[in-house]
Amino acid sequence: MATTPKSKKAKGNRAEMKVAELYRRYKLFPKAQRMPMSGAMAFHKSDIFKGEADDWSDEVKNQEKVQIWKWWQQASEQAGQFQKPILHITGNFRPILSVMRIEDYMDLRAEIKELRDEIQKLRG
């Protein structure tokens, strides 16, 4: 368990590196990396730097005490004007969960369905 400020920061950094690594592994953003000093730079508040434009702004938390509404507010405030916030949360020995607005989730599902239908039409 992280108890000192330094170990808490390292724990957070590990979660950010894991999220960036997943973006690379799934070939979504090959240049994804954790953003040093995330939130400190006016031009990029997200915890993950993807190396290209994206509609989503990532906030990553690795803590045992869940403060989802506080974290969601931070994710929402840090998202750019035309970005959707996404909150990735984890804790000791727990999977990473991703939290998003229901409308954003439904938009993703509708887009996937539309693409699958289009593929099915092309296959004849």
N, C-alpha and C. Protein backbone atom coordinates (compact mmCIF):
# COMPACT_ATOMS: atom_id res chain seq x y z
N MET A 1 0.85 -1.18 0.00
CA MET A 1 0.00 0.00 0.00
C MET A 1 0.89 1.24 0.00
N ALA A 2 0.57 2.19 -0.85
CA ALA A 2 1.34 3.42 -0.94
C ALA A 2 0.97 4.33 0.23
N THR A 3 1.96 4.73 1.01
CA THR A 3 1.66 5.56 2.18
C THR A 3 2.37 6.91 2.14
N THR A 4 3.49 6.99 1.47
CA THR A 4 4.20 8.27 1.40
C THR A 4 3.82 8.98 0.10
N PRO A 5 3.95 10.30 0.07
CA PRO A 5 3.64 11.02 -1.18
C PRO A 5 4.41 10.48 -2.38
N LYS A 6 5.69 10.11 -2.16
CA LYS A 6 6.51 9.59 -3.25
C LYS A 6 5.97 8.25 -3.76
N SER A 7 5.60 7.35 -2.82
CA SER A 7 5.10 6.05 -3.24
C SER A 7 3.70 6.16 -3.86
N LYS A 8 2.89 7.12 -3.40
CA LYS A 8 1.57 7.34 -4.00
C LYS A 8 1.73 7.84 -5.43
N LYS A 9 2.68 8.72 -5.64
CA LYS A 9 2.94 9.25 -6.99
C LYS A 9 3.42 8.11 -7.91
N ALA A 10 4.30 7.26 -7.40
CA ALA A 10 4.80 6.14 -8.19
C ALA A 10 3.66 5.18 -8.54
N LYS A 11 2.75 4.97 -7.62
CA LYS A 11 1.60 4.10 -7.85
C LYS A 11 0.73 4.68 -8.97
N GLY A 12 0.49 5.98 -8.92
CA GLY A 12 -0.27 6.65 -9.97
C GLY A 12 0.43 6.58 -11.32
N ASN A 13 1.74 6.78 -11.30
CA ASN A 13 2.52 6.70 -12.54
C ASN A 13 2.42 5.32 -13.18
N ARG A 14 2.45 4.27 -12.36
CA ARG A 14 2.34 2.90 -12.88
C ARG A 14 1.00 2.70 -13.59
N ALA A 15 -0.07 3.21 -13.00
CA ALA A 15 -1.39 3.07 -13.63
C ALA A 15 -1.44 3.83 -14.95
N GLU A 16 -0.87 5.03 -14.98
CA GLU A 16 -0.84 5.82 -16.21
C GLU A 16 -0.03 5.10 -17.29
N MET A 17 1.11 4.52 -16.90
CA MET A 17 1.93 3.78 -17.87
C MET A 17 1.17 2.56 -18.41
N LYS A 18 0.39 1.91 -17.55
CA LYS A 18 -0.38 0.75 -17.97
C LYS A 18 -1.46 1.15 -18.98
N VAL A 19 -2.16 2.25 -18.74
CA VAL A 19 -3.19 2.71 -19.67
C VAL A 19 -2.54 3.06 -21.01
N ALA A 20 -1.42 3.77 -20.98
CA ALA A 20 -0.71 4.11 -22.22
C ALA A 20 -0.28 2.85 -22.95
N GLU A 21 0.22 1.87 -22.20
CA GLU A 21 0.65 0.61 -22.81
C GLU A 21 -0.52 -0.11 -23.47
N LEU A 22 -1.70 -0.04 -22.87
CA LEU A 22 -2.88 -0.67 -23.47
C LEU A 22 -3.29 0.04 -24.77
N TYR A 23 -3.19 1.35 -24.82
CA TYR A 23 -3.46 2.07 -26.07
C TYR A 23 -2.51 1.59 -27.17
N ARG A 24 -1.25 1.38 -26.80
CA ARG A 24 -0.27 0.90 -27.80
C ARG A 24 -0.56 -0.54 -28.18
N ARG A 25 -0.81 -1.40 -27.21
CA ARG A 25 -1.05 -2.82 -27.47
C ARG A 25 -2.25 -3.04 -28.39
N TYR A 26 -3.30 -2.26 -28.18
CA TYR A 26 -4.49 -2.38 -29.02
C TYR A 26 -4.38 -1.59 -30.32
N LYS A 27 -3.19 -1.03 -30.54
CA LYS A 27 -2.88 -0.29 -31.78
C LYS A 27 -3.81 0.89 -32.02
N LEU A 28 -4.29 1.48 -30.93
CA LEU A 28 -5.14 2.67 -31.04
C LEU A 28 -4.29 3.93 -31.19
N PHE A 29 -3.23 4.00 -30.38
CA PHE A 29 -2.31 5.13 -30.42
C PHE A 29 -0.89 4.59 -30.19
N PRO A 30 -0.15 4.31 -31.26
CA PRO A 30 1.17 3.69 -31.15
C PRO A 30 2.19 4.53 -30.35
N LYS A 31 1.95 5.83 -30.22
CA LYS A 31 2.90 6.69 -29.51
C LYS A 31 2.42 7.05 -28.10
N ALA A 32 1.36 6.42 -27.63
CA ALA A 32 0.79 6.77 -26.32
C ALA A 32 1.82 6.59 -25.20
N GLN A 33 1.81 7.55 -24.28
CA GLN A 33 2.67 7.51 -23.10
C GLN A 33 2.03 8.32 -21.98
N ARG A 34 2.46 8.07 -20.76
CA ARG A 34 1.94 8.88 -19.67
C ARG A 34 2.45 10.30 -19.85
N MET A 35 1.64 11.24 -19.46
CA MET A 35 1.99 12.64 -19.63
C MET A 35 2.73 13.12 -18.38
N PRO A 36 4.01 13.46 -18.51
CA PRO A 36 4.73 13.99 -17.34
C PRO A 36 4.04 15.27 -16.87
N MET A 37 3.94 15.44 -15.59
CA MET A 37 3.31 16.63 -14.99
C MET A 37 1.89 16.81 -15.52
N SER A 38 1.14 15.71 -15.65
CA SER A 38 -0.21 15.81 -16.21
C SER A 38 -1.03 16.82 -15.43
N GLY A 39 -1.80 17.59 -16.18
CA GLY A 39 -2.63 18.62 -15.58
C GLY A 39 -1.93 19.95 -15.41
N ALA A 40 -0.60 19.95 -15.49
CA ALA A 40 0.16 21.17 -15.24
C ALA A 40 0.31 22.04 -16.48
N MET A 41 0.15 21.45 -17.64
CA MET A 41 0.34 22.21 -18.88
C MET A 41 -0.99 22.64 -19.44
N ALA A 42 -1.09 23.90 -19.80
CA ALA A 42 -2.36 24.46 -20.27
C ALA A 42 -2.85 23.79 -21.54
N PHE A 43 -1.94 23.37 -22.41
CA PHE A 43 -2.34 22.81 -23.70
C PHE A 43 -2.76 21.35 -23.63
N HIS A 44 -2.42 20.66 -22.54
CA HIS A 44 -2.74 19.23 -22.45
C HIS A 44 -2.93 18.83 -20.99
N LYS A 45 -4.17 18.63 -20.60
CA LYS A 45 -4.46 18.30 -19.20
C LYS A 45 -4.60 16.80 -18.95
N SER A 46 -4.76 16.02 -20.00
CA SER A 46 -4.98 14.58 -19.88
C SER A 46 -3.77 13.89 -19.26
N ASP A 47 -4.00 12.76 -18.59
CA ASP A 47 -2.90 11.97 -18.01
C ASP A 47 -2.15 11.17 -19.07
N ILE A 48 -2.75 11.01 -20.25
CA ILE A 48 -2.13 10.22 -21.31
C ILE A 48 -1.91 11.11 -22.53
N PHE A 49 -0.69 11.10 -23.04
CA PHE A 49 -0.36 11.80 -24.28
C PHE A 49 -0.37 10.75 -25.38
N LYS A 50 -1.22 10.96 -26.40
CA LYS A 50 -1.40 9.93 -27.43
C LYS A 50 -0.62 10.21 -28.70
N GLY A 51 -0.02 11.38 -28.82
CA GLY A 51 0.79 11.68 -29.99
C GLY A 51 -0.01 12.12 -31.20
N GLU A 52 -1.32 12.20 -31.05
CA GLU A 52 -2.19 12.68 -32.13
C GLU A 52 -3.52 13.10 -31.52
N ALA A 53 -4.32 13.79 -32.30
CA ALA A 53 -5.61 14.28 -31.81
C ALA A 53 -6.53 13.10 -31.44
N ASP A 54 -7.33 13.30 -30.41
CA ASP A 54 -8.28 12.29 -29.98
C ASP A 54 -9.50 12.98 -29.38
N ASP A 55 -10.65 12.33 -29.51
CA ASP A 55 -11.90 12.88 -28.97
C ASP A 55 -12.03 12.67 -27.47
N TRP A 56 -11.13 11.89 -26.88
CA TRP A 56 -11.23 11.51 -25.48
C TRP A 56 -10.08 12.08 -24.66
N SER A 57 -10.38 12.47 -23.44
CA SER A 57 -9.37 12.96 -22.50
C SER A 57 -9.34 11.99 -21.31
N ASP A 58 -8.17 11.42 -21.04
CA ASP A 58 -8.02 10.37 -20.02
C ASP A 58 -7.59 10.93 -18.67
N GLU A 59 -8.29 10.53 -17.63
CA GLU A 59 -7.89 10.77 -16.25
C GLU A 59 -7.68 9.40 -15.63
N VAL A 60 -6.53 9.18 -14.98
CA VAL A 60 -6.19 7.87 -14.41
C VAL A 60 -6.00 8.01 -12.90
N LYS A 61 -6.67 7.15 -12.14
CA LYS A 61 -6.54 7.15 -10.68
C LYS A 61 -6.22 5.74 -10.21
N ASN A 62 -5.24 5.63 -9.31
CA ASN A 62 -4.86 4.36 -8.70
C ASN A 62 -4.86 4.57 -7.19
N GLN A 63 -6.03 4.40 -6.60
CA GLN A 63 -6.19 4.66 -5.18
C GLN A 63 -7.14 3.64 -4.57
N GLU A 64 -7.01 3.42 -3.29
CA GLU A 64 -7.88 2.48 -2.59
C GLU A 64 -9.20 3.14 -2.17
N LYS A 65 -9.12 4.39 -1.77
CA LYS A 65 -10.33 5.10 -1.36
C LYS A 65 -10.97 5.72 -2.60
N VAL A 66 -12.10 5.17 -3.00
CA VAL A 66 -12.76 5.61 -4.23
C VAL A 66 -13.52 6.91 -3.99
N GLN A 67 -13.23 7.88 -4.82
CA GLN A 67 -13.90 9.18 -4.78
C GLN A 67 -14.39 9.50 -6.20
N ILE A 68 -15.26 8.63 -6.69
CA ILE A 68 -15.60 8.67 -8.10
C ILE A 68 -16.15 10.00 -8.56
N TRP A 69 -17.01 10.65 -7.80
CA TRP A 69 -17.59 11.91 -8.25
C TRP A 69 -16.56 13.03 -8.27
N LYS A 70 -15.68 13.04 -7.32
CA LYS A 70 -14.58 14.03 -7.31
C LYS A 70 -13.68 13.81 -8.52
N TRP A 71 -13.33 12.57 -8.78
CA TRP A 71 -12.47 12.24 -9.91
C TRP A 71 -13.17 12.53 -11.23
N TRP A 72 -14.48 12.24 -11.30
CA TRP A 72 -15.23 12.51 -12.52
C TRP A 72 -15.24 14.01 -12.81
N GLN A 73 -15.42 14.80 -11.78
CA GLN A 73 -15.41 16.26 -11.96
C GLN A 73 -14.05 16.71 -12.51
N GLN A 74 -12.96 16.17 -11.97
CA GLN A 74 -11.63 16.49 -12.47
C GLN A 74 -11.48 16.08 -13.93
N ALA A 75 -11.92 14.88 -14.27
CA ALA A 75 -11.82 14.40 -15.65
C ALA A 75 -12.62 15.31 -16.58
N SER A 76 -13.81 15.70 -16.16
CA SER A 76 -14.67 16.56 -16.98
C SER A 76 -14.07 17.94 -17.17
N GLU A 77 -13.51 18.50 -16.10
CA GLU A 77 -12.93 19.84 -16.17
C GLU A 77 -11.66 19.86 -17.02
N GLN A 78 -10.92 18.75 -17.03
CA GLN A 78 -9.67 18.72 -17.78
C GLN A 78 -9.85 18.36 -19.25
N ALA A 79 -11.02 17.84 -19.60
CA ALA A 79 -11.27 17.52 -21.01
C ALA A 79 -11.34 18.81 -21.81
N GLY A 80 -10.77 18.78 -23.00
CA GLY A 80 -10.83 19.93 -23.88
C GLY A 80 -12.27 20.22 -24.28
N GLN A 81 -12.48 21.37 -24.87
CA GLN A 81 -13.82 21.83 -25.23
C GLN A 81 -14.56 20.81 -26.10
N PHE A 82 -13.84 20.13 -26.98
CA PHE A 82 -14.47 19.18 -27.89
C PHE A 82 -14.12 17.73 -27.57
N GLN A 83 -13.68 17.49 -26.32
CA GLN A 83 -13.31 16.14 -25.92
C GLN A 83 -14.33 15.56 -24.94
N LYS A 84 -14.37 14.24 -24.90
CA LYS A 84 -15.20 13.52 -23.95
C LYS A 84 -14.29 13.03 -22.83
N PRO A 85 -14.69 13.19 -21.58
CA PRO A 85 -13.86 12.68 -20.48
C PRO A 85 -14.01 11.17 -20.33
N ILE A 86 -12.91 10.53 -19.98
CA ILE A 86 -12.95 9.12 -19.60
C ILE A 86 -12.06 8.95 -18.37
N LEU A 87 -12.59 8.27 -17.38
CA LEU A 87 -11.90 8.08 -16.11
C LEU A 87 -11.53 6.61 -15.97
N HIS A 88 -10.23 6.33 -15.81
CA HIS A 88 -9.74 4.97 -15.61
C HIS A 88 -9.37 4.85 -14.13
N ILE A 89 -9.96 3.89 -13.43
CA ILE A 89 -9.69 3.73 -12.00
C ILE A 89 -9.21 2.32 -11.70
N THR A 90 -8.31 2.24 -10.72
CA THR A 90 -7.81 0.95 -10.25
C THR A 90 -7.36 1.10 -8.81
N GLY A 91 -7.02 0.00 -8.22
CA GLY A 91 -6.49 -0.03 -6.86
C GLY A 91 -5.60 -1.26 -6.74
N ASN A 92 -5.09 -1.49 -5.56
CA ASN A 92 -4.21 -2.64 -5.34
C ASN A 92 -4.89 -3.95 -5.76
N PHE A 93 -4.24 -4.69 -6.63
CA PHE A 93 -4.71 -6.01 -7.07
C PHE A 93 -6.12 -5.97 -7.67
N ARG A 94 -6.44 -4.86 -8.34
CA ARG A 94 -7.76 -4.71 -8.96
C ARG A 94 -7.58 -4.41 -10.45
N PRO A 95 -8.57 -4.80 -11.25
CA PRO A 95 -8.48 -4.48 -12.68
C PRO A 95 -8.70 -2.98 -12.89
N ILE A 96 -8.29 -2.50 -14.03
CA ILE A 96 -8.57 -1.11 -14.39
C ILE A 96 -9.98 -1.06 -14.96
N LEU A 97 -10.78 -0.17 -14.42
CA LEU A 97 -12.14 0.06 -14.92
C LEU A 97 -12.16 1.42 -15.59
N SER A 98 -12.99 1.56 -16.62
CA SER A 98 -13.13 2.83 -17.31
C SER A 98 -14.55 3.33 -17.14
N VAL A 99 -14.67 4.59 -16.75
CA VAL A 99 -15.96 5.21 -16.48
C VAL A 99 -16.19 6.30 -17.52
N MET A 100 -17.40 6.28 -18.10
CA MET A 100 -17.77 7.30 -19.09
C MET A 100 -19.25 7.60 -18.95
N ARG A 101 -19.67 8.71 -19.56
CA ARG A 101 -21.09 9.05 -19.56
C ARG A 101 -21.86 8.01 -20.37
N ILE A 102 -23.09 7.74 -19.96
CA ILE A 102 -23.91 6.73 -20.64
C ILE A 102 -24.14 7.12 -22.10
N GLU A 103 -24.28 8.40 -22.39
CA GLU A 103 -24.49 8.84 -23.78
C GLU A 103 -23.28 8.51 -24.64
N ASP A 104 -22.09 8.67 -24.09
CA ASP A 104 -20.87 8.35 -24.84
C ASP A 104 -20.78 6.84 -25.09
N TYR A 105 -21.15 6.06 -24.09
CA TYR A 105 -21.16 4.61 -24.23
C TYR A 105 -22.15 4.19 -25.31
N MET A 106 -23.35 4.75 -25.27
CA MET A 106 -24.37 4.41 -26.27
C MET A 106 -23.94 4.83 -27.67
N ASP A 107 -23.28 6.00 -27.79
CA ASP A 107 -22.75 6.43 -29.09
C ASP A 107 -21.75 5.41 -29.62
N LEU A 108 -20.86 4.91 -28.75
CA LEU A 108 -19.89 3.90 -29.18
C LEU A 108 -20.59 2.63 -29.64
N ARG A 109 -21.58 2.17 -28.86
CA ARG A 109 -22.30 0.95 -29.24
C ARG A 109 -23.03 1.12 -30.56
N ALA A 110 -23.65 2.29 -30.76
CA ALA A 110 -24.37 2.55 -32.01
C ALA A 110 -23.40 2.57 -33.20
N GLU A 111 -22.22 3.17 -32.99
CA GLU A 111 -21.22 3.21 -34.06
C GLU A 111 -20.72 1.81 -34.41
N ILE A 112 -20.49 0.99 -33.42
CA ILE A 112 -20.05 -0.39 -33.65
C ILE A 112 -21.14 -1.16 -34.42
N LYS A 113 -22.37 -1.00 -34.00
CA LYS A 113 -23.48 -1.69 -34.69
C LYS A 113 -23.57 -1.24 -36.13
N GLU A 114 -23.47 0.06 -36.36
CA GLU A 114 -23.51 0.61 -37.71
C GLU A 114 -22.39 0.03 -38.59
N LEU A 115 -21.19 -0.03 -38.03
CA LEU A 115 -20.06 -0.59 -38.78
C LEU A 115 -20.24 -2.07 -39.07
N ARG A 116 -20.73 -2.82 -38.10
CA ARG A 116 -20.98 -4.25 -38.31
C ARG A 116 -22.04 -4.46 -39.39
N ASP A 117 -23.10 -3.65 -39.34
CA ASP A 117 -24.15 -3.75 -40.36
C ASP A 117 -23.57 -3.45 -41.74
N GLU A 118 -22.71 -2.45 -41.82
CA GLU A 118 -22.07 -2.06 -43.09
C GLU A 118 -21.19 -3.20 -43.61
N ILE A 119 -20.43 -3.83 -42.72
CA ILE A 119 -19.58 -4.96 -43.10
C ILE A 119 -20.44 -6.11 -43.61
N GLN A 120 -21.54 -6.35 -42.91
CA GLN A 120 -22.45 -7.44 -43.31
C GLN A 120 -23.01 -7.18 -44.71
N LYS A 121 -23.35 -5.93 -45.02
CA LYS A 121 -23.85 -5.58 -46.36
C LYS A 121 -22.78 -5.83 -47.43
N LEU A 122 -21.54 -5.46 -47.11
CA LEU A 122 -20.45 -5.65 -48.06
C LEU A 122 -20.16 -7.11 -48.33
N ARG A 123 -20.36 -7.93 -47.34
CA ARG A 123 -20.13 -9.38 -47.49
C ARG A 123 -21.25 -10.03 -48.30
N GLY A 124 -22.38 -9.33 -48.40
CA GLY A 124 -23.47 -9.77 -49.25
C GLY A 124 -24.40 -10.65 -48.56
